[in-house]
């Protein structure tokens, strides 16, 4: 697996959309997603707004410090609670036991999330005192290699959806009607693949997905062993239960591009 230098990744900040942009139709995606899912998900779906995410370099490095509740990609996590951290074991890959590489953390008014992943597995941790969302800034034309091998019906439909705001690297929808966009038809989870919340036993639902455009900012090359994904879809406890710990492990499904 290849990964960009930590110094480069530290320079990326995840920022929210400004309130002044809320009337821009490109920032809210309300098209029906029903035809992009497995047959079991083909029930009629109400149109729901989707918050889109974009990446930018921080104007000041101090803005990435934990006391400023940053949203960031790469580098190291800005733990909101630096004392009661997840266990060391939870930061290891479930498949190969190697340390997970920090990918990103996001913030919005309802939740804070940190995502770590390796080439073959992923884990997600939620800080119960905060909230989530994420952002990025890149034209799809800058990374044609991400898609050149996967031009099929699924990706064409996805491209149509994201072409309204091609800079997006994240799609967020904390709604019972929210669903992910899947770039390729294979490798999608069934309902039984998504485990119940390990803290309250409740149902987990879709919350956000990370798009492969983010790889551009990590300087990933188009090599056989390079870090890659078609999309990372995160499912979280629909009840947002408190439990007993400050950080909670949620479920991330990694759809590979090949």
C-alpha atoms as a PDB file:
ATOM      1  CA  UNK A   1       0.000   0.000   0.000  1.00  0.00           C
ATOM      2  CA  UNK A   2       1.268   3.463  -0.853  1.00  0.00           C
ATOM      3  CA  UNK A   3       0.324   6.532   1.091  1.00  0.00           C
ATOM      4  CA  UNK A   4       1.211  10.189   0.830  1.00  0.00           C
ATOM      5  CA  UNK A   5       3.463  11.794   3.398  1.00  0.00           C
ATOM      6  CA  UNK A   6       1.914  12.688   6.737  1.00  0.00           C
ATOM      7  CA  UNK A   7       3.045  16.297   6.296  1.00  0.00           C
ATOM      8  CA  UNK A   8       0.973  16.661   3.136  1.00  0.00           C
ATOM      9  CA  UNK A   9      -2.080  15.015   4.643  1.00  0.00           C
ATOM     10  CA  UNK A  10      -1.923  17.282   7.687  1.00  0.00           C
ATOM     11  CA  UNK A  11      -2.489  20.305   5.450  1.00  0.00           C
ATOM     12  CA  UNK A  12      -5.996  19.251   4.487  1.00  0.00           C
ATOM     13  CA  UNK A  13      -9.026  20.583   6.297  1.00  0.00           C
ATOM     14  CA  UNK A  14     -12.626  19.444   5.996  1.00  0.00           C
ATOM     15  CA  UNK A  15     -14.905  22.465   6.038  1.00  0.00           C
ATOM     16  CA  UNK A  16     -18.672  22.896   6.093  1.00  0.00           C
ATOM     17  CA  UNK A  17     -20.688  24.732   3.486  1.00  0.00           C
ATOM     18  CA  UNK A  18     -21.324  28.387   4.277  1.00  0.00           C
ATOM     19  CA  UNK A  19     -24.873  29.367   5.169  1.00  0.00           C
ATOM     20  CA  UNK A  20     -24.836  31.773   2.221  1.00  0.00           C
ATOM     21  CA  UNK A  21     -24.529  28.813  -0.150  1.00  0.00           C
ATOM     22  CA  UNK A  22     -27.641  27.003   1.015  1.00  0.00           C
ATOM     23  CA  UNK A  23     -29.664  28.281  -1.929  1.00  0.00           C
ATOM     24  CA  UNK A  24     -27.201  26.843  -4.453  1.00  0.00           C
ATOM     25  CA  UNK A  25     -28.943  23.845  -6.032  1.00  0.00           C
ATOM     26  CA  UNK A  26     -25.585  22.151  -6.597  1.00  0.00           C
ATOM     27  CA  UNK A  27     -25.093  21.789  -2.851  1.00  0.00           C
ATOM     28  CA  UNK A  28     -28.289  19.798  -2.187  1.00  0.00           C
ATOM     29  CA  UNK A  29     -28.991  16.601  -4.111  1.00  0.00           C
ATOM     30  CA  UNK A  30     -32.621  15.481  -4.024  1.00  0.00           C
ATOM     31  CA  UNK A  31     -32.842  12.968  -6.889  1.00  0.00           C
ATOM     32  CA  UNK A  32     -34.427   9.555  -6.225  1.00  0.00           C
ATOM     33  CA  UNK A  33     -31.812   6.853  -5.561  1.00  0.00           C
ATOM     34  CA  UNK A  34     -34.140   3.823  -5.725  1.00  0.00           C
ATOM     35  CA  UNK A  35     -32.714   2.362  -8.941  1.00  0.00           C
ATOM     36  CA  UNK A  36     -29.149   2.239  -7.556  1.00  0.00           C
ATOM     37  CA  UNK A  37     -29.757  -0.382  -4.887  1.00  0.00           C
ATOM     38  CA  UNK A  38     -30.352  -4.084  -4.553  1.00  0.00           C
ATOM     39  CA  UNK A  39     -33.841  -5.420  -5.216  1.00  0.00           C
ATOM     40  CA  UNK A  40     -34.612  -5.545  -1.504  1.00  0.00           C
ATOM     41  CA  UNK A  41     -34.098  -1.761  -1.385  1.00  0.00           C
ATOM     42  CA  UNK A  42     -36.261  -0.876  -4.382  1.00  0.00           C
ATOM     43  CA  UNK A  43     -39.209   0.467  -2.386  1.00  0.00           C
ATOM     44  CA  UNK A  44     -40.365   3.939  -3.329  1.00  0.00           C
ATOM     45  CA  UNK A  45     -38.216   6.512  -1.588  1.00  0.00           C
ATOM     46  CA  UNK A  46     -39.009  10.074  -0.622  1.00  0.00           C
ATOM     47  CA  UNK A  47     -36.561  12.644  -1.895  1.00  0.00           C
ATOM     48  CA  UNK A  48     -34.291  13.754   0.939  1.00  0.00           C
ATOM     49  CA  UNK A  49     -31.589  16.447   1.003  1.00  0.00           C
ATOM     50  CA  UNK A  50     -27.958  15.348   0.981  1.00  0.00           C
ATOM     51  CA  UNK A  51     -25.163  17.435   2.515  1.00  0.00           C
ATOM     52  CA  UNK A  52     -22.086  17.437   0.299  1.00  0.00           C
ATOM     53  CA  UNK A  53     -18.473  17.738   1.485  1.00  0.00           C
ATOM     54  CA  UNK A  54     -15.435  19.554   0.040  1.00  0.00           C
ATOM     55  CA  UNK A  55     -11.694  19.737   1.022  1.00  0.00           C
ATOM     56  CA  UNK A  56      -9.511  22.819   1.375  1.00  0.00           C
ATOM     57  CA  UNK A  57      -6.092  23.639   2.812  1.00  0.00           C
ATOM     58  CA  UNK A  58      -6.270  25.366   6.208  1.00  0.00           C
ATOM     59  CA  UNK A  59      -5.348  29.038   6.331  1.00  0.00           C
ATOM     60  CA  UNK A  60      -3.777  28.450   9.752  1.00  0.00           C
ATOM     61  CA  UNK A  61      -2.359  25.175  11.098  1.00  0.00           C
ATOM     62  CA  UNK A  62      -3.765  25.900  14.549  1.00  0.00           C
ATOM     63  CA  UNK A  63      -7.267  25.488  13.130  1.00  0.00           C
ATOM     64  CA  UNK A  64      -6.621  21.712  13.101  1.00  0.00           C
ATOM     65  CA  UNK A  65      -6.084  21.544  16.874  1.00  0.00           C
ATOM     66  CA  UNK A  66      -8.666  19.552  18.841  1.00  0.00           C
ATOM     67  CA  UNK A  67      -9.998  22.562  20.775  1.00  0.00           C
ATOM     68  CA  UNK A  68     -11.303  23.969  17.487  1.00  0.00           C
ATOM     69  CA  UNK A  69     -13.346  20.822  16.724  1.00  0.00           C
ATOM     70  CA  UNK A  70     -11.700  20.383  13.317  1.00  0.00           C
ATOM     71  CA  UNK A  71     -12.781  18.301  10.373  1.00  0.00           C
ATOM     72  CA  UNK A  72      -9.642  17.050   8.654  1.00  0.00           C
ATOM     73  CA  UNK A  73      -8.179  14.429   6.324  1.00  0.00           C
ATOM     74  CA  UNK A  74      -4.865  12.692   6.911  1.00  0.00           C
ATOM     75  CA  UNK A  75      -2.170  13.191   9.515  1.00  0.00           C
ATOM     76  CA  UNK A  76      -3.262  12.182  13.017  1.00  0.00           C
ATOM     77  CA  UNK A  77      -6.664  12.379  14.725  1.00  0.00           C
ATOM     78  CA  UNK A  78      -7.572  15.505  16.682  1.00  0.00           C
ATOM     79  CA  UNK A  79      -9.150  13.603  19.587  1.00  0.00           C
ATOM     80  CA  UNK A  80     -11.766  15.722  21.345  1.00  0.00           C
ATOM     81  CA  UNK A  81     -11.187  13.677  24.494  1.00  0.00           C
ATOM     82  CA  UNK A  82      -7.397  13.064  24.573  1.00  0.00           C
ATOM     83  CA  UNK A  83      -7.574  11.069  27.820  1.00  0.00           C
ATOM     84  CA  UNK A  84     -10.171   8.322  27.273  1.00  0.00           C
ATOM     85  CA  UNK A  85      -8.959   7.123  23.888  1.00  0.00           C
ATOM     86  CA  UNK A  86      -9.978   3.896  22.106  1.00  0.00           C
ATOM     87  CA  UNK A  87      -7.848   0.901  23.059  1.00  0.00           C
ATOM     88  CA  UNK A  88      -4.618   0.156  21.205  1.00  0.00           C
ATOM     89  CA  UNK A  89      -6.107  -3.108  19.937  1.00  0.00           C
ATOM     90  CA  UNK A  90      -8.995  -1.259  18.309  1.00  0.00           C
ATOM     91  CA  UNK A  91      -6.488   0.648  16.156  1.00  0.00           C
ATOM     92  CA  UNK A  92      -5.244  -2.561  14.514  1.00  0.00           C
ATOM     93  CA  UNK A  93      -6.601  -4.121  11.331  1.00  0.00           C
ATOM     94  CA  UNK A  94      -8.985  -7.024  12.014  1.00  0.00           C
ATOM     95  CA  UNK A  95      -7.536  -8.935   9.046  1.00  0.00           C
ATOM     96  CA  UNK A  96      -3.745  -8.531   9.270  1.00  0.00           C
ATOM     97  CA  UNK A  97      -3.305  -6.968  12.751  1.00  0.00           C
ATOM     98  CA  UNK A  98      -1.220  -4.130  11.294  1.00  0.00           C
ATOM     99  CA  UNK A  99      -1.826  -0.558  12.561  1.00  0.00           C
ATOM    100  CA  UNK A 100      -4.657   1.238  10.802  1.00  0.00           C
ATOM    101  CA  UNK A 101      -3.833   4.415   8.869  1.00  0.00           C
ATOM    102  CA  UNK A 102      -5.874   7.443   9.937  1.00  0.00           C
ATOM    103  CA  UNK A 103      -8.067   8.589   7.055  1.00  0.00           C
ATOM    104  CA  UNK A 104     -10.322  11.420   8.183  1.00  0.00           C
ATOM    105  CA  UNK A 105     -12.543  12.862  10.861  1.00  0.00           C
ATOM    106  CA  UNK A 106     -15.630  14.944  10.328  1.00  0.00           C
ATOM    107  CA  UNK A 107     -17.762  17.264  12.389  1.00  0.00           C
ATOM    108  CA  UNK A 108     -21.227  18.752  12.259  1.00  0.00           C
ATOM    109  CA  UNK A 109     -23.786  19.908  14.791  1.00  0.00           C
ATOM    110  CA  UNK A 110     -24.908  16.416  15.796  1.00  0.00           C
ATOM    111  CA  UNK A 111     -21.858  14.133  15.873  1.00  0.00           C
ATOM    112  CA  UNK A 112     -18.077  13.803  15.552  1.00  0.00           C
ATOM    113  CA  UNK A 113     -16.511  10.842  13.819  1.00  0.00           C
ATOM    114  CA  UNK A 114     -12.988   9.595  13.200  1.00  0.00           C
ATOM    115  CA  UNK A 115     -12.356   6.993  10.518  1.00  0.00           C
ATOM    116  CA  UNK A 116      -9.264   4.828  10.340  1.00  0.00           C
ATOM    117  CA  UNK A 117      -8.694   2.243   7.647  1.00  0.00           C
ATOM    118  CA  UNK A 118      -6.195  -0.199   6.256  1.00  0.00           C
ATOM    119  CA  UNK A 119      -6.011  -1.792   2.815  1.00  0.00           C
ATOM    120  CA  UNK A 120      -8.282  -4.632   3.871  1.00  0.00           C
ATOM    121  CA  UNK A 121     -10.416  -3.399   6.758  1.00  0.00           C
ATOM    122  CA  UNK A 122     -11.852  -0.385   8.520  1.00  0.00           C
ATOM    123  CA  UNK A 123     -13.095   0.786  11.880  1.00  0.00           C
ATOM    124  CA  UNK A 124     -15.017   3.870  12.840  1.00  0.00           C
ATOM    125  CA  UNK A 125     -15.142   5.690  16.158  1.00  0.00           C
ATOM    126  CA  UNK A 126     -17.756   8.198  17.249  1.00  0.00           C
ATOM    127  CA  UNK A 127     -17.279  10.835  19.914  1.00  0.00           C
ATOM    128  CA  UNK A 128     -20.658  11.100  21.625  1.00  0.00           C
ATOM    129  CA  UNK A 129     -20.330  14.782  22.521  1.00  0.00           C
ATOM    130  CA  UNK A 130     -20.132  16.044  18.944  1.00  0.00           C
ATOM    131  CA  UNK A 131     -21.638  15.798  15.461  1.00  0.00           C
ATOM    132  CA  UNK A 132     -20.728  14.978  11.863  1.00  0.00           C
ATOM    133  CA  UNK A 133     -20.185  16.078   8.339  1.00  0.00           C
ATOM    134  CA  UNK A 134     -17.454  16.495   5.705  1.00  0.00           C
ATOM    135  CA  UNK A 135     -16.213  18.404   2.621  1.00  0.00           C
ATOM    136  CA  UNK A 136     -13.683  18.495  -0.446  1.00  0.00           C
ATOM    137  CA  UNK A 137     -12.581  20.491  -3.548  1.00  0.00           C
ATOM    138  CA  UNK A 138     -11.520  18.786  -6.805  1.00  0.00           C
ATOM    139  CA  UNK A 139     -12.826  18.434 -10.343  1.00  0.00           C
ATOM    140  CA  UNK A 140     -13.373  14.861 -11.525  1.00  0.00           C
ATOM    141  CA  UNK A 141     -11.402  15.616 -14.675  1.00  0.00           C
ATOM    142  CA  UNK A 142      -8.252  15.859 -12.515  1.00  0.00           C
ATOM    143  CA  UNK A 143      -8.402  12.179 -11.565  1.00  0.00           C
ATOM    144  CA  UNK A 144      -9.627  10.236 -14.610  1.00  0.00           C
ATOM    145  CA  UNK A 145      -7.664   7.156 -13.552  1.00  0.00           C
ATOM    146  CA  UNK A 146     -10.026   6.630 -10.643  1.00  0.00           C
ATOM    147  CA  UNK A 147     -12.849   5.775 -13.009  1.00  0.00           C
ATOM    148  CA  UNK A 148     -11.362   4.684 -16.338  1.00  0.00           C
ATOM    149  CA  UNK A 149     -11.730   0.952 -15.633  1.00  0.00           C
ATOM    150  CA  UNK A 150     -15.248   1.075 -14.185  1.00  0.00           C
ATOM    151  CA  UNK A 151     -17.454   2.792 -16.753  1.00  0.00           C
ATOM    152  CA  UNK A 152     -20.684   0.829 -16.427  1.00  0.00           C
ATOM    153  CA  UNK A 153     -24.302   1.546 -15.685  1.00  0.00           C
ATOM    154  CA  UNK A 154     -23.801   2.008 -11.955  1.00  0.00           C
ATOM    155  CA  UNK A 155     -20.937   4.449 -12.262  1.00  0.00           C
ATOM    156  CA  UNK A 156     -22.632   6.372 -15.067  1.00  0.00           C
ATOM    157  CA  UNK A 157     -25.664   6.859 -12.835  1.00  0.00           C
ATOM    158  CA  UNK A 158     -23.428   7.917  -9.963  1.00  0.00           C
ATOM    159  CA  UNK A 159     -21.498  10.323 -12.187  1.00  0.00           C
ATOM    160  CA  UNK A 160     -24.780  11.918 -13.244  1.00  0.00           C
ATOM    161  CA  UNK A 161     -25.656  12.519  -9.612  1.00  0.00           C
ATOM    162  CA  UNK A 162     -22.310  13.924  -8.516  1.00  0.00           C
ATOM    163  CA  UNK A 163     -21.775  15.994 -11.679  1.00  0.00           C
ATOM    164  CA  UNK A 164     -23.954  18.692 -10.091  1.00  0.00           C
ATOM    165  CA  UNK A 165     -21.103  19.302  -7.637  1.00  0.00           C
ATOM    166  CA  UNK A 166     -18.108  17.335  -8.965  1.00  0.00           C
ATOM    167  CA  UNK A 167     -15.790  18.623  -6.206  1.00  0.00           C
ATOM    168  CA  UNK A 168     -17.566  16.577  -3.525  1.00  0.00           C
ATOM    169  CA  UNK A 169     -15.722  13.884  -1.587  1.00  0.00           C
ATOM    170  CA  UNK A 170     -18.445  13.130   0.930  1.00  0.00           C
ATOM    171  CA  UNK A 171     -22.219  12.718   0.921  1.00  0.00           C
ATOM    172  CA  UNK A 172     -24.030  13.004   4.254  1.00  0.00           C
ATOM    173  CA  UNK A 173     -27.669  12.200   4.947  1.00  0.00           C
ATOM    174  CA  UNK A 174     -28.779  11.421   8.488  1.00  0.00           C
ATOM    175  CA  UNK A 175     -32.285  10.373   7.454  1.00  0.00           C
ATOM    176  CA  UNK A 176     -34.208   7.107   7.556  1.00  0.00           C
ATOM    177  CA  UNK A 177     -34.689   7.571   3.801  1.00  0.00           C
ATOM    178  CA  UNK A 178     -31.010   8.254   3.124  1.00  0.00           C
ATOM    179  CA  UNK A 179     -29.058   5.763   1.006  1.00  0.00           C
ATOM    180  CA  UNK A 180     -25.587   5.557  -0.486  1.00  0.00           C
ATOM    181  CA  UNK A 181     -24.587   5.828  -4.124  1.00  0.00           C
ATOM    182  CA  UNK A 182     -22.741   2.705  -5.266  1.00  0.00           C
ATOM    183  CA  UNK A 183     -20.098   3.163  -8.024  1.00  0.00           C
ATOM    184  CA  UNK A 184     -20.038  -0.536  -8.968  1.00  0.00           C
ATOM    185  CA  UNK A 185     -22.861  -3.122  -8.889  1.00  0.00           C
ATOM    186  CA  UNK A 186     -20.930  -5.762  -6.920  1.00  0.00           C
ATOM    187  CA  UNK A 187     -19.725  -5.641  -3.354  1.00  0.00           C
ATOM    188  CA  UNK A 188     -22.788  -4.006  -1.805  1.00  0.00           C
ATOM    189  CA  UNK A 189     -23.931  -5.068   1.673  1.00  0.00           C
ATOM    190  CA  UNK A 190     -27.214  -6.816   2.309  1.00  0.00           C
ATOM    191  CA  UNK A 191     -29.259  -5.847   5.347  1.00  0.00           C
ATOM    192  CA  UNK A 192     -27.875  -8.867   7.191  1.00  0.00           C
ATOM    193  CA  UNK A 193     -24.312  -7.665   6.570  1.00  0.00           C
ATOM    194  CA  UNK A 194     -24.884  -4.514   8.637  1.00  0.00           C
ATOM    195  CA  UNK A 195     -24.563  -5.457  12.325  1.00  0.00           C
ATOM    196  CA  UNK A 196     -26.745  -4.072  15.090  1.00  0.00           C
ATOM    197  CA  UNK A 197     -25.303  -1.450  17.416  1.00  0.00           C
ATOM    198  CA  UNK A 198     -22.922  -3.227  19.824  1.00  0.00           C
ATOM    199  CA  UNK A 199     -23.922  -0.879  22.657  1.00  0.00           C
ATOM    200  CA  UNK A 200     -27.734  -0.832  22.582  1.00  0.00           C
ATOM    201  CA  UNK A 201     -28.577  -3.587  20.084  1.00  0.00           C
ATOM    202  CA  UNK A 202     -30.477  -1.142  17.902  1.00  0.00           C
ATOM    203  CA  UNK A 203     -30.488  -0.845  14.123  1.00  0.00           C
ATOM    204  CA  UNK A 204     -27.693   0.899  12.272  1.00  0.00           C
ATOM    205  CA  UNK A 205     -28.555   3.110   9.312  1.00  0.00           C
ATOM    206  CA  UNK A 206     -26.704   4.949   6.554  1.00  0.00           C
ATOM    207  CA  UNK A 207     -25.123   8.216   7.632  1.00  0.00           C
ATOM    208  CA  UNK A 208     -22.451   9.198   5.126  1.00  0.00           C
ATOM    209  CA  UNK A 209     -20.135   7.929   2.427  1.00  0.00           C
ATOM    210  CA  UNK A 210     -16.604   8.860   1.382  1.00  0.00           C
ATOM    211  CA  UNK A 211     -15.979   9.110  -2.363  1.00  0.00           C
ATOM    212  CA  UNK A 212     -12.734   8.066  -4.124  1.00  0.00           C
ATOM    213  CA  UNK A 213     -11.953  11.663  -5.138  1.00  0.00           C
ATOM    214  CA  UNK A 214     -10.336  12.014  -1.706  1.00  0.00           C
ATOM    215  CA  UNK A 215      -7.494   9.774  -2.921  1.00  0.00           C
ATOM    216  CA  UNK A 216      -6.318  12.595  -5.178  1.00  0.00           C
ATOM    217  CA  UNK A 217      -5.401  14.701  -2.168  1.00  0.00           C
ATOM    218  CA  UNK A 218      -3.409  11.854  -0.656  1.00  0.00           C
ATOM    219  CA  UNK A 219      -1.155  11.687  -3.714  1.00  0.00           C
ATOM    220  CA  UNK A 220      -2.126   8.069  -4.378  1.00  0.00           C
ATOM    221  CA  UNK A 221      -0.707   6.616  -7.603  1.00  0.00           C
ATOM    222  CA  UNK A 222      -2.622   4.341  -9.959  1.00  0.00           C
ATOM    223  CA  UNK A 223      -0.564   1.269  -9.057  1.00  0.00           C
ATOM    224  CA  UNK A 224      -1.675  -2.284  -8.309  1.00  0.00           C
ATOM    225  CA  UNK A 225      -0.887  -2.043  -4.584  1.00  0.00           C
ATOM    226  CA  UNK A 226      -1.996   1.548  -4.047  1.00  0.00           C
ATOM    227  CA  UNK A 227      -4.638   2.503  -1.518  1.00  0.00           C
ATOM    228  CA  UNK A 228      -7.986   2.420  -3.312  1.00  0.00           C
ATOM    229  CA  UNK A 229     -11.721   2.184  -2.787  1.00  0.00           C
ATOM    230  CA  UNK A 230     -14.862   2.689  -4.840  1.00  0.00           C
ATOM    231  CA  UNK A 231     -16.682   4.143  -1.834  1.00  0.00           C
ATOM    232  CA  UNK A 232     -16.667   3.871   1.965  1.00  0.00           C
ATOM    233  CA  UNK A 233     -20.181   3.791   3.407  1.00  0.00           C
ATOM    234  CA  UNK A 234     -20.653   4.407   7.132  1.00  0.00           C
ATOM    235  CA  UNK A 235     -23.611   3.030   9.090  1.00  0.00           C
ATOM    236  CA  UNK A 236     -24.244   4.307  12.623  1.00  0.00           C
ATOM    237  CA  UNK A 237     -26.677   3.667  15.468  1.00  0.00           C
ATOM    238  CA  UNK A 238     -30.008   5.180  14.484  1.00  0.00           C
ATOM    239  CA  UNK A 239     -30.690   5.959  18.152  1.00  0.00           C
ATOM    240  CA  UNK A 240     -27.288   7.657  18.642  1.00  0.00           C
ATOM    241  CA  UNK A 241     -27.127   5.847  21.985  1.00  0.00           C
ATOM    242  CA  UNK A 242     -24.835   7.147  24.703  1.00  0.00           C
ATOM    243  CA  UNK A 243     -23.475   3.890  26.106  1.00  0.00           C
ATOM    244  CA  UNK A 244     -20.677   3.934  28.671  1.00  0.00           C
ATOM    245  CA  UNK A 245     -17.694   5.210  26.675  1.00  0.00           C
ATOM    246  CA  UNK A 246     -16.783   8.532  25.086  1.00  0.00           C
ATOM    247  CA  UNK A 247     -15.795   6.940  21.773  1.00  0.00           C
ATOM    248  CA  UNK A 248     -17.951   4.354  20.054  1.00  0.00           C
ATOM    249  CA  UNK A 249     -17.086   1.977  17.259  1.00  0.00           C
ATOM    250  CA  UNK A 250     -19.507   2.115  14.331  1.00  0.00           C
ATOM    251  CA  UNK A 251     -19.588   0.137  11.077  1.00  0.00           C
ATOM    252  CA  UNK A 252     -17.933   1.042   7.767  1.00  0.00           C
ATOM    253  CA  UNK A 253     -18.455  -0.937   4.556  1.00  0.00           C
ATOM    254  CA  UNK A 254     -15.610  -0.587   2.053  1.00  0.00           C
ATOM    255  CA  UNK A 255     -16.607  -1.262  -1.551  1.00  0.00           C
ATOM    256  CA  UNK A 256     -13.500  -1.959  -3.602  1.00  0.00           C
ATOM    257  CA  UNK A 257     -13.104  -0.715  -7.147  1.00  0.00           C
ATOM    258  CA  UNK A 258     -12.048  -4.119  -8.454  1.00  0.00           C
END
